[in-house]
């Protein structure tokens, strides 16, 4: 029996090679994508790179989910999704307005014809191109407007731009890691 496995190892800014779990990778027609779970220790270690490796070692539960740049990334994904959906609805409504041609007499039944419902999810492009602080980032189109997941296209420049943007949050999120005071215990007498 032969078993073949493919693993993805990523390194950023001279940091250590970090194995990416298979659950964080998926493919669609546009390519391979990495789901950014910024509360996962491996993803945080990857984004920390060599620059913040000492700070990463001091943090007990590293996470970048509370950082303003991650929230900005999710907001940009949401606005990009809504922009694409509005364009699809506008193009569909302008193209399906000809209900009068369907009926020969053009009488009462022509007024009762409803426009076709547009399935936005099926017609959305697989990639959204965002601009974050002047740098382009390509992300996967989320499955729905309620499920905003940051999934970045696995390309060298794209990952570098995204990690550069997210690594600006590390001092804000982990900055007080070394300054946390330990709880003082009283001795029993």
Protein backbone atom coordinates (compact mmCIF):
# COMPACT_ATOMS: atom_id res chain seq x y z
CA UNK A 1 0.00 0.00 0.00
CA UNK A 2 1.32 3.40 -0.98
CA UNK A 3 0.22 6.58 0.74
CA UNK A 4 1.01 9.94 -0.80
CA UNK A 5 0.52 13.13 1.18
CA UNK A 6 1.04 16.70 0.20
CA UNK A 7 1.86 19.23 2.92
CA UNK A 8 2.27 22.96 2.70
CA UNK A 9 5.00 24.65 4.73
CA UNK A 10 5.16 28.44 4.80
CA UNK A 11 7.74 30.85 6.20
CA UNK A 12 7.46 34.62 6.42
CA UNK A 13 10.21 37.22 6.92
CA UNK A 14 12.91 34.67 7.72
CA UNK A 15 10.78 32.98 10.37
CA UNK A 16 10.49 29.24 10.92
CA UNK A 17 8.74 26.93 8.47
CA UNK A 18 5.20 26.42 9.73
CA UNK A 19 3.15 23.41 8.58
CA UNK A 20 -0.32 24.50 7.49
CA UNK A 21 -3.15 22.14 8.52
CA UNK A 22 -5.19 20.71 5.66
CA UNK A 23 -8.38 22.19 7.14
CA UNK A 24 -7.06 25.67 6.37
CA UNK A 25 -6.50 24.97 2.66
CA UNK A 26 -9.09 24.72 -0.08
CA UNK A 27 -9.18 25.06 -3.84
CA UNK A 28 -11.67 26.48 -6.28
CA UNK A 29 -11.52 27.45 -9.96
CA UNK A 30 -9.23 30.41 -9.23
CA UNK A 31 -6.56 28.48 -7.32
CA UNK A 32 -5.52 27.37 -3.85
CA UNK A 33 -6.53 29.45 -0.83
CA UNK A 34 -5.44 29.70 2.80
CA UNK A 35 -8.13 30.33 5.42
CA UNK A 36 -6.76 32.85 7.88
CA UNK A 37 -7.68 31.62 11.34
CA UNK A 38 -5.77 34.27 13.23
CA UNK A 39 -6.50 32.63 16.57
CA UNK A 40 -4.57 29.49 15.55
CA UNK A 41 -1.09 29.34 17.08
CA UNK A 42 0.53 28.13 13.84
CA UNK A 43 -0.93 30.96 11.78
CA UNK A 44 0.13 33.48 14.46
CA UNK A 45 3.64 32.02 14.46
CA UNK A 46 3.73 32.34 10.68
CA UNK A 47 2.58 35.97 10.68
CA UNK A 48 4.95 36.84 13.53
CA UNK A 49 7.90 35.74 11.41
CA UNK A 50 11.40 36.45 12.66
CA UNK A 51 10.61 40.05 13.62
CA UNK A 52 8.19 39.19 16.43
CA UNK A 53 9.39 35.68 17.32
CA UNK A 54 10.48 36.72 20.84
CA UNK A 55 7.11 38.30 21.50
CA UNK A 56 5.35 35.18 20.18
CA UNK A 57 7.23 33.02 22.69
CA UNK A 58 6.02 35.17 25.60
CA UNK A 59 2.32 35.00 24.72
CA UNK A 60 0.36 32.15 26.23
CA UNK A 61 -2.57 32.12 23.77
CA UNK A 62 -1.57 34.11 20.69
CA UNK A 63 -4.36 35.58 18.60
CA UNK A 64 -4.72 38.45 16.16
CA UNK A 65 -8.51 38.31 15.99
CA UNK A 66 -8.91 41.40 18.18
CA UNK A 67 -6.58 43.50 16.04
CA UNK A 68 -7.95 46.45 14.07
CA UNK A 69 -6.24 45.37 10.84
CA UNK A 70 -7.93 41.96 10.86
CA UNK A 71 -11.29 43.66 11.40
CA UNK A 72 -10.47 46.06 8.56
CA UNK A 73 -9.68 43.08 6.31
CA UNK A 74 -13.04 41.47 7.12
CA UNK A 75 -14.84 44.78 6.51
CA UNK A 76 -13.14 45.15 3.12
CA UNK A 77 -14.16 41.60 2.19
CA UNK A 78 -17.74 42.39 3.17
CA UNK A 79 -17.86 45.64 1.18
CA UNK A 80 -16.26 43.92 -1.82
CA UNK A 81 -18.85 41.14 -1.61
CA UNK A 82 -21.73 43.63 -1.47
CA UNK A 83 -20.26 45.66 -4.35
CA UNK A 84 -20.09 42.54 -6.55
CA UNK A 85 -23.61 41.49 -5.55
CA UNK A 86 -25.03 44.93 -6.42
CA UNK A 87 -23.34 44.82 -9.82
CA UNK A 88 -24.81 41.39 -10.51
CA UNK A 89 -28.29 42.48 -9.46
CA UNK A 90 -28.08 45.63 -11.58
CA UNK A 91 -26.97 43.71 -14.65
CA UNK A 92 -29.64 41.04 -14.12
CA UNK A 93 -32.46 43.54 -13.63
CA UNK A 94 -31.52 45.54 -16.73
CA UNK A 95 -31.29 42.37 -18.82
CA UNK A 96 -34.58 40.78 -17.74
CA UNK A 97 -36.89 43.80 -18.04
CA UNK A 98 -38.39 42.66 -21.34
CA UNK A 99 -41.53 40.91 -20.08
CA UNK A 100 -43.69 42.36 -22.86
CA UNK A 101 -41.98 40.32 -25.57
CA UNK A 102 -42.98 37.07 -23.92
CA UNK A 103 -46.71 37.52 -24.56
CA UNK A 104 -48.03 38.27 -28.01
CA UNK A 105 -51.00 40.36 -27.01
CA UNK A 106 -49.12 42.36 -24.36
CA UNK A 107 -52.26 42.45 -22.24
CA UNK A 108 -52.88 41.80 -18.57
CA UNK A 109 -50.55 38.82 -18.28
CA UNK A 110 -47.54 40.85 -19.35
CA UNK A 111 -47.87 43.01 -16.24
CA UNK A 112 -48.01 40.00 -13.92
CA UNK A 113 -44.67 38.52 -15.01
CA UNK A 114 -42.10 38.70 -12.24
CA UNK A 115 -38.44 39.20 -13.00
CA UNK A 116 -36.21 36.19 -12.53
CA UNK A 117 -34.57 35.79 -9.16
CA UNK A 118 -30.85 36.01 -9.40
CA UNK A 119 -28.76 33.42 -7.65
CA UNK A 120 -25.93 35.67 -6.58
CA UNK A 121 -23.92 32.94 -4.93
CA UNK A 122 -23.55 31.00 -8.18
CA UNK A 123 -22.75 34.03 -10.32
CA UNK A 124 -20.17 35.66 -8.04
CA UNK A 125 -16.56 35.67 -9.27
CA UNK A 126 -14.27 33.32 -7.32
CA UNK A 127 -11.81 36.09 -6.36
CA UNK A 128 -12.28 39.52 -4.80
CA UNK A 129 -9.44 41.97 -5.34
CA UNK A 130 -9.06 44.34 -2.40
CA UNK A 131 -6.81 47.31 -1.72
CA UNK A 132 -5.54 47.47 1.86
CA UNK A 133 -3.30 50.44 2.65
CA UNK A 134 -2.46 50.75 -1.04
CA UNK A 135 -1.45 47.12 -1.55
CA UNK A 136 -3.55 44.68 -3.58
CA UNK A 137 -4.72 41.48 -1.90
CA UNK A 138 -6.68 38.71 -3.60
CA UNK A 139 -9.13 36.81 -1.41
CA UNK A 140 -11.73 34.15 -2.11
CA UNK A 141 -15.32 35.25 -2.41
CA UNK A 142 -17.05 34.25 0.83
CA UNK A 143 -19.76 31.58 0.60
CA UNK A 144 -22.42 34.02 1.86
CA UNK A 145 -22.70 37.53 3.22
CA UNK A 146 -23.16 36.14 6.73
CA UNK A 147 -20.10 33.92 6.61
CA UNK A 148 -17.23 36.34 6.05
CA UNK A 149 -14.08 34.26 6.06
CA UNK A 150 -10.70 35.70 5.16
CA UNK A 151 -9.25 33.23 2.65
CA UNK A 152 -6.14 34.47 0.87
CA UNK A 153 -4.89 33.22 -2.49
CA UNK A 154 -1.69 31.18 -2.02
CA UNK A 155 0.78 33.21 -4.06
CA UNK A 156 4.04 34.62 -2.79
CA UNK A 157 3.32 38.33 -3.29
CA UNK A 158 -0.30 38.01 -2.20
CA UNK A 159 0.59 36.24 1.06
CA UNK A 160 3.41 38.70 1.72
CA UNK A 161 1.08 41.70 1.26
CA UNK A 162 -1.53 40.15 3.55
CA UNK A 163 0.97 39.14 6.25
CA UNK A 164 2.62 42.58 6.11
CA UNK A 165 -0.78 44.15 6.72
CA UNK A 166 -1.71 41.81 9.58
CA UNK A 167 1.71 41.87 11.26
CA UNK A 168 1.25 45.58 12.01
CA UNK A 169 -1.24 44.49 14.69
CA UNK A 170 1.16 42.28 16.63
CA UNK A 171 2.50 44.98 18.99
CA UNK A 172 -1.09 46.05 19.77
CA UNK A 173 -2.36 42.51 20.37
CA UNK A 174 0.64 40.97 22.11
CA UNK A 175 2.51 44.04 23.35
CA UNK A 176 1.74 43.59 27.03
CA UNK A 177 2.63 39.89 27.07
CA UNK A 178 5.87 40.34 28.98
CA UNK A 179 4.38 42.88 31.36
CA UNK A 180 1.56 40.74 32.74
CA UNK A 181 1.75 40.47 36.47
CA UNK A 182 1.52 37.11 38.08
CA UNK A 183 -1.03 36.50 40.73
CA UNK A 184 0.33 36.80 44.24
CA UNK A 185 -0.41 33.94 46.58
CA UNK A 186 -0.69 34.20 50.31
CA UNK A 187 1.07 31.64 52.39
CA UNK A 188 -1.09 29.63 54.68
CA UNK A 189 -0.06 29.94 58.25
